[in-house]
Amino acid sequence: MKARVDPELCIGCGLCVDTCPAIFKMEEDKAVAYIAPVPKAQEELCRKATDECPVTAIIIE
């Protein structure tokens, strides 16, 4: 599984970083997924962050 954040949609709320800091971090005013592929142990939290994103900026492939 891979996760990425669409920088055009991201509003920089930081919810994904709070939910899954092992995968997401803030770079300036946008979130980025900095680990690929997502480790099995982090998949559930990564999906939770995706579901909770208020602007659906996180894409899981």
Protein backbone atom coordinates (compact mmCIF):
# COMPACT_ATOMS: atom_id res chain seq x y z
CA MET A 1 0.00 0.00 0.00
CA LYS A 2 1.21 3.50 -0.82
CA ALA A 3 -0.20 6.77 0.46
CA ARG A 4 0.19 10.22 -0.98
CA VAL A 5 -1.26 13.64 -0.30
CA ASP A 6 -2.61 15.78 -3.11
CA PRO A 7 -1.01 19.18 -2.44
CA GLU A 8 -3.75 20.94 -4.42
CA LEU A 9 -6.41 19.63 -2.03
CA CYS A 10 -4.51 19.65 1.27
CA ILE A 11 -5.49 22.50 3.59
CA GLY A 12 -2.76 21.76 6.12
CA CYS A 13 -5.06 20.95 9.02
CA GLY A 14 -2.58 18.37 10.37
CA LEU A 15 -5.20 15.75 11.25
CA CYS A 16 -3.35 13.04 9.29
CA VAL A 17 -0.13 13.85 11.14
CA ASP A 18 -1.94 13.60 14.47
CA THR A 19 -3.58 10.32 13.46
CA CYS A 20 -0.64 8.61 11.78
CA PRO A 21 2.67 10.41 12.45
CA ALA A 22 4.68 7.39 11.29
CA ILE A 23 3.53 8.08 7.71
CA PHE A 24 2.55 11.75 7.48
CA LYS A 25 4.40 14.93 8.34
CA MET A 26 3.96 18.62 7.68
CA GLU A 27 6.22 20.36 5.19
CA GLU A 28 5.61 24.08 5.41
CA ASP A 29 1.80 24.36 5.26
CA LYS A 30 0.97 21.01 3.61
CA ALA A 31 1.02 17.39 4.72
CA VAL A 32 3.11 14.79 2.91
CA ALA A 33 3.38 11.03 3.13
CA TYR A 34 7.06 10.39 3.67
CA ILE A 35 7.18 6.59 4.01
CA ALA A 36 6.49 4.32 1.03
CA PRO A 37 5.30 1.71 1.03
CA VAL A 38 3.23 1.96 4.20
CA PRO A 39 4.39 -0.71 6.69
CA LYS A 40 1.72 -3.31 7.52
CA ALA A 41 1.70 -2.16 11.15
CA GLN A 42 0.67 1.36 10.03
CA GLU A 43 -1.95 0.47 7.41
CA GLU A 44 -4.95 0.73 9.75
CA LEU A 45 -3.92 4.17 11.05
CA CYS A 46 -3.15 5.31 7.52
CA ARG A 47 -6.64 4.30 6.39
CA LYS A 48 -8.11 6.09 9.41
CA ALA A 49 -6.22 9.26 8.48
CA THR A 50 -7.52 8.93 4.92
CA ASP A 51 -11.11 8.53 6.11
CA GLU A 52 -10.82 11.50 8.49
CA CYS A 53 -9.25 13.94 6.02
CA PRO A 54 -11.80 16.77 5.71
CA VAL A 55 -10.92 17.46 2.07
CA THR A 56 -10.11 13.90 0.93
CA ALA A 57 -6.57 14.89 0.00
CA ILE A 58 -5.02 11.52 0.91
CA ILE A 59 -4.87 8.90 -1.82
CA ILE A 60 -4.14 5.26 -1.05
CA GLU A 61 -2.91 3.06 -3.86
